[in-house]
Amino acid sequence: MIINSISIAVARLTDLVLTLLFWAILIRAILSWVHPDPRNPIVHFLDRVTGPILYPLQRIIPPLGGIDISPLVALLLIELLKALLVNAILNLGGL
């Protein structure tokens, strides 16, 4: 019973963190179209949060026609992680 509760809590927390990361990457991608001031605290925060995910992807995936598709790949990977990881955590708890 306690293991079930813990696995539900961990699964929900994992889902929440991945959802917040999804939105941070999406907002950063949209903001990149308008070239915001890099000294803006929100832009700086988004860069610090999403940079560790996007920068390695940008080194691996070249821009297509001058368009950086690394945010799209990151969003797809996050959704894949949510589908696999959250279900795996729930299955470990016997749910």
PDB file of N, CA and C in Angstrom:
ATOM      1  N   MET A   1       0.813  -1.184   0.000  1.00  0.00           N
ATOM      2  CA  MET A   1       0.000   0.000   0.000  1.00  0.00           C
ATOM      3  C   MET A   1       0.864   1.257   0.000  1.00  0.00           C
ATOM      4  N   ILE A   2       1.883   1.300   0.824  1.00  0.00           N
ATOM      5  CA  ILE A   2       2.773   2.457   0.863  1.00  0.00           C
ATOM      6  C   ILE A   2       3.562   2.549  -0.441  1.00  0.00           C
ATOM      7  N   ILE A   3       3.993   1.403  -0.981  1.00  0.00           N
ATOM      8  CA  ILE A   3       4.741   1.398  -2.233  1.00  0.00           C
ATOM      9  C   ILE A   3       3.872   1.930  -3.366  1.00  0.00           C
ATOM     10  N   ASN A   4       2.592   1.577  -3.361  1.00  0.00           N
ATOM     11  CA  ASN A   4       1.674   2.104  -4.377  1.00  0.00           C
ATOM     12  C   ASN A   4       1.571   3.620  -4.293  1.00  0.00           C
ATOM     13  N   SER A   5       1.448   4.126  -3.078  1.00  0.00           N
ATOM     14  CA  SER A   5       1.344   5.577  -2.890  1.00  0.00           C
ATOM     15  C   SER A   5       2.611   6.284  -3.317  1.00  0.00           C
ATOM     16  N   ILE A   6       3.753   5.701  -2.973  1.00  0.00           N
ATOM     17  CA  ILE A   6       5.029   6.301  -3.360  1.00  0.00           C
ATOM     18  C   ILE A   6       5.191   6.279  -4.870  1.00  0.00           C
ATOM     19  N   SER A   7       4.840   5.172  -5.504  1.00  0.00           N
ATOM     20  CA  SER A   7       4.997   5.100  -6.960  1.00  0.00           C
ATOM     21  C   SER A   7       4.053   6.076  -7.661  1.00  0.00           C
ATOM     22  N   ILE A   8       2.854   6.263  -7.132  1.00  0.00           N
ATOM     23  CA  ILE A   8       1.936   7.248  -7.713  1.00  0.00           C
ATOM     24  C   ILE A   8       2.506   8.652  -7.562  1.00  0.00           C
ATOM     25  N   ALA A   9       3.044   8.958  -6.395  1.00  0.00           N
ATOM     26  CA  ALA A   9       3.614  10.283  -6.161  1.00  0.00           C
ATOM     27  C   ALA A   9       4.819  10.536  -7.071  1.00  0.00           C
ATOM     28  N   VAL A  10       5.687   9.543  -7.193  1.00  0.00           N
ATOM     29  CA  VAL A  10       6.864   9.701  -8.058  1.00  0.00           C
ATOM     30  C   VAL A  10       6.443   9.823  -9.521  1.00  0.00           C
ATOM     31  N   ALA A  11       5.452   9.050  -9.930  1.00  0.00           N
ATOM     32  CA  ALA A  11       4.967   9.127 -11.308  1.00  0.00           C
ATOM     33  C   ALA A  11       4.355  10.494 -11.587  1.00  0.00           C
ATOM     34  N   ARG A  12       3.572  11.006 -10.660  1.00  0.00           N
ATOM     35  CA  ARG A  12       2.969  12.330 -10.847  1.00  0.00           C
ATOM     36  C   ARG A  12       4.016  13.431 -10.868  1.00  0.00           C
ATOM     37  N   LEU A  13       5.006  13.332  -9.986  1.00  0.00           N
ATOM     38  CA  LEU A  13       6.080  14.322  -9.954  1.00  0.00           C
ATOM     39  C   LEU A  13       6.883  14.286 -11.256  1.00  0.00           C
ATOM     40  N   THR A  14       7.193  13.080 -11.719  1.00  0.00           N
ATOM     41  CA  THR A  14       7.926  12.929 -12.977  1.00  0.00           C
ATOM     42  C   THR A  14       7.123  13.522 -14.131  1.00  0.00           C
ATOM     43  N   ASP A  15       5.826  13.241 -14.158  1.00  0.00           N
ATOM     44  CA  ASP A  15       4.964  13.783 -15.201  1.00  0.00           C
ATOM     45  C   ASP A  15       4.920  15.301 -15.136  1.00  0.00           C
ATOM     46  N   LEU A  16       4.834  15.860 -13.937  1.00  0.00           N
ATOM     47  CA  LEU A  16       4.795  17.312 -13.773  1.00  0.00           C
ATOM     48  C   LEU A  16       6.088  17.963 -14.251  1.00  0.00           C
ATOM     49  N   VAL A  17       7.220  17.411 -13.844  1.00  0.00           N
ATOM     50  CA  VAL A  17       8.513  17.976 -14.239  1.00  0.00           C
ATOM     51  C   VAL A  17       8.680  17.927 -15.759  1.00  0.00           C
ATOM     52  N   LEU A  18       8.334  16.805 -16.363  1.00  0.00           N
ATOM     53  CA  LEU A  18       8.461  16.684 -17.814  1.00  0.00           C
ATOM     54  C   LEU A  18       7.482  17.614 -18.536  1.00  0.00           C
ATOM     55  N   THR A  19       6.300  17.804 -17.991  1.00  0.00           N
ATOM     56  CA  THR A  19       5.335  18.726 -18.589  1.00  0.00           C
ATOM     57  C   THR A  19       5.844  20.165 -18.506  1.00  0.00           C
ATOM     58  N   LEU A  20       6.389  20.555 -17.359  1.00  0.00           N
ATOM     59  CA  LEU A  20       6.945  21.900 -17.225  1.00  0.00           C
ATOM     60  C   LEU A  20       8.119  22.115 -18.174  1.00  0.00           C
ATOM     61  N   LEU A  21       8.945  21.097 -18.327  1.00  0.00           N
ATOM     62  CA  LEU A  21      10.065  21.182 -19.254  1.00  0.00           C
ATOM     63  C   LEU A  21       9.568  21.304 -20.696  1.00  0.00           C
ATOM     64  N   PHE A  22       8.531  20.558 -21.035  1.00  0.00           N
ATOM     65  CA  PHE A  22       7.918  20.645 -22.360  1.00  0.00           C
ATOM     66  C   PHE A  22       7.503  22.083 -22.649  1.00  0.00           C
ATOM     67  N   TRP A  23       6.779  22.700 -21.691  1.00  0.00           N
ATOM     68  CA  TRP A  23       6.307  24.062 -21.899  1.00  0.00           C
ATOM     69  C   TRP A  23       7.449  25.070 -21.940  1.00  0.00           C
ATOM     70  N   ALA A  24       8.481  24.860 -21.138  1.00  0.00           N
ATOM     71  CA  ALA A  24       9.632  25.771 -21.158  1.00  0.00           C
ATOM     72  C   ALA A  24      10.314  25.742 -22.527  1.00  0.00           C
ATOM     73  N   ILE A  25      10.469  24.557 -23.094  1.00  0.00           N
ATOM     74  CA  ILE A  25      11.093  24.447 -24.421  1.00  0.00           C
ATOM     75  C   ILE A  25      10.194  25.069 -25.481  1.00  0.00           C
ATOM     76  N   LEU A  26       8.903  24.839 -25.391  1.00  0.00           N
ATOM     77  CA  LEU A  26       7.970  25.410 -26.358  1.00  0.00           C
ATOM     78  C   LEU A  26       7.977  26.937 -26.284  1.00  0.00           C
ATOM     79  N   ILE A  27       7.954  27.484 -25.085  1.00  0.00           N
ATOM     80  CA  ILE A  27       7.982  28.943 -24.924  1.00  0.00           C
ATOM     81  C   ILE A  27       9.296  29.509 -25.436  1.00  0.00           C
ATOM     82  N   ARG A  28      10.401  28.827 -25.147  1.00  0.00           N
ATOM     83  CA  ARG A  28      11.697  29.294 -25.642  1.00  0.00           C
ATOM     84  C   ARG A  28      11.727  29.291 -27.167  1.00  0.00           C
ATOM     85  N   ALA A  29      11.174  28.265 -27.783  1.00  0.00           N
ATOM     86  CA  ALA A  29      11.151  28.192 -29.245  1.00  0.00           C
ATOM     87  C   ALA A  29      10.315  29.333 -29.828  1.00  0.00           C
ATOM     88  N   ILE A  30       9.176  29.611 -29.221  1.00  0.00           N
ATOM     89  CA  ILE A  30       8.333  30.702 -29.715  1.00  0.00           C
ATOM     90  C   ILE A  30       9.018  32.049 -29.516  1.00  0.00           C
ATOM     91  N   LEU A  31       9.651  32.237 -28.371  1.00  0.00           N
ATOM     92  CA  LEU A  31      10.361  33.493 -28.117  1.00  0.00           C
ATOM     93  C   LEU A  31      11.533  33.695 -29.072  1.00  0.00           C
ATOM     94  N   SER A  32      12.129  32.619 -29.548  1.00  0.00           N
ATOM     95  CA  SER A  32      13.269  32.755 -30.452  1.00  0.00           C
ATOM     96  C   SER A  32      12.865  33.405 -31.776  1.00  0.00           C
ATOM     97  N   TRP A  33      11.583  33.371 -32.109  1.00  0.00           N
ATOM     98  CA  TRP A  33      11.123  33.995 -33.345  1.00  0.00           C
ATOM     99  C   TRP A  33      11.117  35.519 -33.256  1.00  0.00           C
ATOM    100  N   VAL A  34      11.025  36.065 -32.039  1.00  0.00           N
ATOM    101  CA  VAL A  34      10.940  37.513 -31.877  1.00  0.00           C
ATOM    102  C   VAL A  34      12.235  38.117 -31.341  1.00  0.00           C
ATOM    103  N   HIS A  35      13.261  37.333 -31.133  1.00  0.00           N
ATOM    104  CA  HIS A  35      14.569  37.787 -30.649  1.00  0.00           C
ATOM    105  C   HIS A  35      14.448  38.655 -29.393  1.00  0.00           C
ATOM    106  N   PRO A  36      14.074  38.048 -28.270  1.00  0.00           N
ATOM    107  CA  PRO A  36      13.913  38.832 -27.037  1.00  0.00           C
ATOM    108  C   PRO A  36      15.268  39.264 -26.485  1.00  0.00           C
ATOM    109  N   ASP A  37      15.217  40.221 -25.592  1.00  0.00           N
ATOM    110  CA  ASP A  37      16.426  40.717 -24.932  1.00  0.00           C
ATOM    111  C   ASP A  37      17.019  39.595 -24.075  1.00  0.00           C
ATOM    112  N   PRO A  38      18.263  39.169 -24.331  1.00  0.00           N
ATOM    113  CA  PRO A  38      18.841  38.066 -23.553  1.00  0.00           C
ATOM    114  C   PRO A  38      19.060  38.406 -22.086  1.00  0.00           C
ATOM    115  N   ARG A  39      19.006  39.692 -21.736  1.00  0.00           N
ATOM    116  CA  ARG A  39      19.172  40.077 -20.333  1.00  0.00           C
ATOM    117  C   ARG A  39      17.867  39.997 -19.552  1.00  0.00           C
ATOM    118  N   ASN A  40      16.773  39.749 -20.253  1.00  0.00           N
ATOM    119  CA  ASN A  40      15.481  39.601 -19.593  1.00  0.00           C
ATOM    120  C   ASN A  40      15.541  38.382 -18.662  1.00  0.00           C
ATOM    121  N   PRO A  41      15.097  38.526 -17.415  1.00  0.00           N
ATOM    122  CA  PRO A  41      15.199  37.394 -16.467  1.00  0.00           C
ATOM    123  C   PRO A  41      14.446  36.145 -16.919  1.00  0.00           C
ATOM    124  N   ILE A  42      13.309  36.323 -17.583  1.00  0.00           N
ATOM    125  CA  ILE A  42      12.553  35.159 -18.042  1.00  0.00           C
ATOM    126  C   ILE A  42      13.315  34.433 -19.140  1.00  0.00           C
ATOM    127  N   VAL A  43      13.873  35.192 -20.070  1.00  0.00           N
ATOM    128  CA  VAL A  43      14.655  34.592 -21.158  1.00  0.00           C
ATOM    129  C   VAL A  43      15.878  33.886 -20.587  1.00  0.00           C
ATOM    130  N   HIS A  44      16.522  34.519 -19.631  1.00  0.00           N
ATOM    131  CA  HIS A  44      17.703  33.916 -18.993  1.00  0.00           C
ATOM    132  C   HIS A  44      17.325  32.625 -18.270  1.00  0.00           C
ATOM    133  N   PHE A  45      16.199  32.632 -17.561  1.00  0.00           N
ATOM    134  CA  PHE A  45      15.734  31.439 -16.863  1.00  0.00           C
ATOM    135  C   PHE A  45      15.438  30.307 -17.852  1.00  0.00           C
ATOM    136  N   LEU A  46      14.715  30.627 -18.927  1.00  0.00           N
ATOM    137  CA  LEU A  46      14.387  29.609 -19.927  1.00  0.00           C
ATOM    138  C   LEU A  46      15.649  29.029 -20.560  1.00  0.00           C
ATOM    139  N   ASP A  47      16.633  29.879 -20.791  1.00  0.00           N
ATOM    140  CA  ASP A  47      17.893  29.403 -21.368  1.00  0.00           C
ATOM    141  C   ASP A  47      18.614  28.460 -20.414  1.00  0.00           C
ATOM    142  N   ARG A  48      18.620  28.787 -19.137  1.00  0.00           N
ATOM    143  CA  ARG A  48      19.292  27.931 -18.157  1.00  0.00           C
ATOM    144  C   ARG A  48      18.577  26.600 -17.971  1.00  0.00           C
ATOM    145  N   VAL A  49      17.249  26.613 -18.058  1.00  0.00           N
ATOM    146  CA  VAL A  49      16.479  25.388 -17.850  1.00  0.00           C
ATOM    147  C   VAL A  49      16.533  24.481 -19.078  1.00  0.00           C
ATOM    148  N   THR A  50      16.412  25.064 -20.259  1.00  0.00           N
ATOM    149  CA  THR A  50      16.309  24.260 -21.475  1.00  0.00           C
ATOM    150  C   THR A  50      17.645  24.028 -22.164  1.00  0.00           C
ATOM    151  N   GLY A  51      18.641  24.835 -21.851  1.00  0.00           N
ATOM    152  CA  GLY A  51      19.942  24.711 -22.498  1.00  0.00           C
ATOM    153  C   GLY A  51      20.585  23.336 -22.389  1.00  0.00           C
ATOM    154  N   PRO A  52      20.595  22.723 -21.201  1.00  0.00           N
ATOM    155  CA  PRO A  52      21.226  21.399 -21.096  1.00  0.00           C
ATOM    156  C   PRO A  52      20.569  20.326 -21.964  1.00  0.00           C
ATOM    157  N   ILE A  53      19.349  20.560 -22.375  1.00  0.00           N
ATOM    158  CA  ILE A  53      18.677  19.594 -23.249  1.00  0.00           C
ATOM    159  C   ILE A  53      18.881  19.974 -24.714  1.00  0.00           C
ATOM    160  N   LEU A  54      18.730  21.262 -25.009  1.00  0.00           N
ATOM    161  CA  LEU A  54      18.765  21.688 -26.406  1.00  0.00           C
ATOM    162  C   LEU A  54      20.175  21.765 -26.988  1.00  0.00           C
ATOM    163  N   TYR A  55      21.163  22.198 -26.211  1.00  0.00           N
ATOM    164  CA  TYR A  55      22.508  22.366 -26.768  1.00  0.00           C
ATOM    165  C   TYR A  55      23.106  21.062 -27.288  1.00  0.00           C
ATOM    166  N   PRO A  56      23.011  19.946 -26.558  1.00  0.00           N
ATOM    167  CA  PRO A  56      23.529  18.690 -27.139  1.00  0.00           C
ATOM    168  C   PRO A  56      22.777  18.277 -28.396  1.00  0.00           C
ATOM    169  N   LEU A  57      21.473  18.503 -28.413  1.00  0.00           N
ATOM    170  CA  LEU A  57      20.694  18.164 -29.609  1.00  0.00           C
ATOM    171  C   LEU A  57      21.090  19.039 -30.793  1.00  0.00           C
ATOM    172  N   GLN A  58      21.404  20.306 -30.521  1.00  0.00           N
ATOM    173  CA  GLN A  58      21.812  21.207 -31.597  1.00  0.00           C
ATOM    174  C   GLN A  58      23.150  20.797 -32.196  1.00  0.00           C
ATOM    175  N   ARG A  59      24.008  20.184 -31.400  1.00  0.00           N
ATOM    176  CA  ARG A  59      25.285  19.693 -31.936  1.00  0.00           C
ATOM    177  C   ARG A  59      25.093  18.455 -32.800  1.00  0.00           C
ATOM    178  N   ILE A  60      24.073  17.655 -32.481  1.00  0.00           N
ATOM    179  CA  ILE A  60      23.829  16.409 -33.212  1.00  0.00           C
ATOM    180  C   ILE A  60      22.992  16.650 -34.464  1.00  0.00           C
ATOM    181  N   ILE A  61      21.969  17.497 -34.338  1.00  0.00           N
ATOM    182  CA  ILE A  61      21.007  17.703 -35.417  1.00  0.00           C
ATOM    183  C   ILE A  61      21.321  19.030 -36.120  1.00  0.00           C
ATOM    184  N   PRO A  62      21.725  18.977 -37.379  1.00  0.00           N
ATOM    185  CA  PRO A  62      22.008  20.234 -38.093  1.00  0.00           C
ATOM    186  C   PRO A  62      20.709  20.962 -38.438  1.00  0.00           C
ATOM    187  N   PRO A  63      20.781  22.295 -38.561  1.00  0.00           N
ATOM    188  CA  PRO A  63      19.581  23.039 -38.966  1.00  0.00           C
ATOM    189  C   PRO A  63      19.145  22.626 -40.369  1.00  0.00           C
ATOM    190  N   LEU A  64      17.864  22.538 -40.561  1.00  0.00           N
ATOM    191  CA  LEU A  64      17.313  22.193 -41.873  1.00  0.00           C
ATOM    192  C   LEU A  64      16.819  23.476 -42.541  1.00  0.00           C
ATOM    193  N   GLY A  65      17.516  23.888 -43.579  1.00  0.00           N
ATOM    194  CA  GLY A  65      17.131  25.120 -44.271  1.00  0.00           C
ATOM    195  C   GLY A  65      17.223  26.334 -43.373  1.00  0.00           C
ATOM    196  N   GLY A  66      18.154  26.329 -42.433  1.00  0.00           N
ATOM    197  CA  GLY A  66      18.313  27.440 -41.507  1.00  0.00           C
ATOM    198  C   GLY A  66      17.369  27.400 -40.322  1.00  0.00           C
ATOM    199  N   ILE A  67      16.565  26.356 -40.219  1.00  0.00           N
ATOM    200  CA  ILE A  67      15.608  26.236 -39.114  1.00  0.00           C
ATOM    201  C   ILE A  67      16.111  25.186 -38.131  1.00  0.00           C
ATOM    202  N   ASP A  68      16.217  25.588 -36.874  1.00  0.00           N
ATOM    203  CA  ASP A  68      16.656  24.687 -35.810  1.00  0.00           C
ATOM    204  C   ASP A  68      15.480  23.810 -35.391  1.00  0.00           C
ATOM    205  N   ILE A  69      15.606  22.517 -35.635  1.00  0.00           N
ATOM    206  CA  ILE A  69      14.514  21.602 -35.271  1.00  0.00           C
ATOM    207  C   ILE A  69      14.776  20.884 -33.947  1.00  0.00           C
ATOM    208  N   SER A  70      15.849  21.265 -33.255  1.00  0.00           N
ATOM    209  CA  SER A  70      16.153  20.602 -31.983  1.00  0.00           C
ATOM    210  C   SER A  70      15.038  20.766 -30.945  1.00  0.00           C
ATOM    211  N   PRO A  71      14.329  21.924 -30.869  1.00  0.00           N
ATOM    212  CA  PRO A  71      13.210  21.981 -29.912  1.00  0.00           C
ATOM    213  C   PRO A  71      12.108  20.975 -30.244  1.00  0.00           C
ATOM    214  N   LEU A  72      11.839  20.777 -31.515  1.00  0.00           N
ATOM    215  CA  LEU A  72      10.824  19.801 -31.908  1.00  0.00           C
ATOM    216  C   LEU A  72      11.235  18.393 -31.493  1.00  0.00           C
ATOM    217  N   VAL A  73      12.501  18.058 -31.719  1.00  0.00           N
ATOM    218  CA  VAL A  73      13.009  16.745 -31.325  1.00  0.00           C
ATOM    219  C   VAL A  73      12.946  16.598 -29.806  1.00  0.00           C
ATOM    220  N   ALA A  74      13.311  17.654 -29.083  1.00  0.00           N
ATOM    221  CA  ALA A  74      13.266  17.616 -27.621  1.00  0.00           C
ATOM    222  C   ALA A  74      11.841  17.405 -27.126  1.00  0.00           C
ATOM    223  N   LEU A  75      10.881  18.083 -27.745  1.00  0.00           N
ATOM    224  CA  LEU A  75       9.481  17.923 -27.341  1.00  0.00           C
ATOM    225  C   LEU A  75       9.000  16.496 -27.589  1.00  0.00           C
ATOM    226  N   LEU A  76       9.380  15.933 -28.708  1.00  0.00           N
ATOM    227  CA  LEU A  76       9.000  14.546 -28.996  1.00  0.00           C
ATOM    228  C   LEU A  76       9.645  13.577 -28.005  1.00  0.00           C
ATOM    229  N   LEU A  77      10.911  13.818 -27.661  1.00  0.00           N
ATOM    230  CA  LEU A  77      11.593  12.960 -26.687  1.00  0.00           C
ATOM    231  C   LEU A  77      10.960  13.068 -25.302  1.00  0.00           C
ATOM    232  N   ILE A  78      10.553  14.264 -24.930  1.00  0.00           N
ATOM    233  CA  ILE A  78       9.897  14.443 -23.633  1.00  0.00           C
ATOM    234  C   ILE A  78       8.577  13.684 -23.596  1.00  0.00           C
ATOM    235  N   GLU A  79       7.805  13.773 -24.663  1.00  0.00           N
ATOM    236  CA  GLU A  79       6.533  13.045 -24.704  1.00  0.00           C
ATOM    237  C   GLU A  79       6.763  11.531 -24.670  1.00  0.00           C
ATOM    238  N   LEU A  80       7.804  11.069 -25.340  1.00  0.00           N
ATOM    239  CA  LEU A  80       8.152   9.649 -25.302  1.00  0.00           C
ATOM    240  C   LEU A  80       8.541   9.232 -23.886  1.00  0.00           C
ATOM    241  N   LEU A  81       9.356  10.063 -23.237  1.00  0.00           N
ATOM    242  CA  LEU A  81       9.750   9.779 -21.849  1.00  0.00           C
ATOM    243  C   LEU A  81       8.536   9.746 -20.932  1.00  0.00           C
ATOM    244  N   LYS A  82       7.621  10.689 -21.125  1.00  0.00           N
ATOM    245  CA  LYS A  82       6.417  10.703 -20.295  1.00  0.00           C
ATOM    246  C   LYS A  82       5.626   9.418 -20.476  1.00  0.00           C
ATOM    247  N   ALA A  83       5.484   8.993 -21.707  1.00  0.00           N
ATOM    248  CA  ALA A  83       4.698   7.785 -21.974  1.00  0.00           C
ATOM    249  C   ALA A  83       5.366   6.544 -21.391  1.00  0.00           C
ATOM    250  N   LEU A  84       6.673   6.451 -21.548  1.00  0.00           N
ATOM    251  CA  LEU A  84       7.379   5.246 -21.091  1.00  0.00           C
ATOM    252  C   LEU A  84       7.708   5.284 -19.608  1.00  0.00           C
ATOM    253  N   LEU A  85       8.269   6.388 -19.142  1.00  0.00           N
ATOM    254  CA  LEU A  85       8.777   6.458 -17.779  1.00  0.00           C
ATOM    255  C   LEU A  85       7.661   6.488 -16.744  1.00  0.00           C
ATOM    256  N   VAL A  86       6.653   7.282 -16.982  1.00  0.00           N
ATOM    257  CA  VAL A  86       5.564   7.375 -16.004  1.00  0.00           C
ATOM    258  C   VAL A  86       4.848   6.032 -15.888  1.00  0.00           C
ATOM    259  N   ASN A  87       4.594   5.389 -17.008  1.00  0.00           N
ATOM    260  CA  ASN A  87       3.956   4.062 -16.956  1.00  0.00           C
ATOM    261  C   ASN A  87       4.858   3.035 -16.290  1.00  0.00           C
ATOM    262  N   ALA A  88       6.159   3.110 -16.539  1.00  0.00           N
ATOM    263  CA  ALA A  88       7.079   2.158 -15.915  1.00  0.00           C
ATOM    264  C   ALA A  88       7.102   2.351 -14.392  1.00  0.00           C
ATOM    265  N   ILE A  89       7.067   3.591 -13.947  1.00  0.00           N
ATOM    266  CA  ILE A  89       7.054   3.850 -12.498  1.00  0.00           C
ATOM    267  C   ILE A  89       5.759   3.324 -11.877  1.00  0.00           C
ATOM    268  N   LEU A  90       4.651   3.520 -12.554  1.00  0.00           N
ATOM    269  CA  LEU A  90       3.375   3.006 -12.039  1.00  0.00           C
ATOM    270  C   LEU A  90       3.361   1.486 -12.027  1.00  0.00           C
ATOM    271  N   ASN A  91       3.946   0.863 -13.041  1.00  0.00           N
ATOM    272  CA  ASN A  91       4.012  -0.609 -13.084  1.00  0.00           C
ATOM    273  C   ASN A  91       4.898  -1.169 -11.987  1.00  0.00           C
ATOM    274  N   LEU A  92       5.955  -0.437 -11.621  1.00  0.00           N
ATOM    275  CA  LEU A  92       6.818  -0.891 -10.526  1.00  0.00           C
ATOM    276  C   LEU A  92       6.065  -0.919  -9.217  1.00  0.00           C
ATOM    277  N   GLY A  93       5.112  -0.003  -9.076  1.00  0.00           N
ATOM    278  CA  GLY A  93       4.314   0.029  -7.851  1.00  0.00           C
ATOM    279  C   GLY A  93       3.183  -0.965  -7.864  1.00  0.00           C
ATOM    280  N   GLY A  94       3.038  -1.706  -8.939  1.00  0.00           N
ATOM    281  CA  GLY A  94       1.996  -2.714  -9.018  1.00  0.00           C
ATOM    282  C   GLY A  94       0.648  -2.147  -9.415  1.00  0.00           C
ATOM    283  N   LEU A  95       0.654  -1.002 -10.073  1.00  0.00           N
ATOM    284  CA  LEU A  95      -0.626  -0.404 -10.473  1.00  0.00           C
ATOM    285  C   LEU A  95      -0.941  -0.701 -11.911  1.00  0.00           C
TER     286      LEU A  95
END
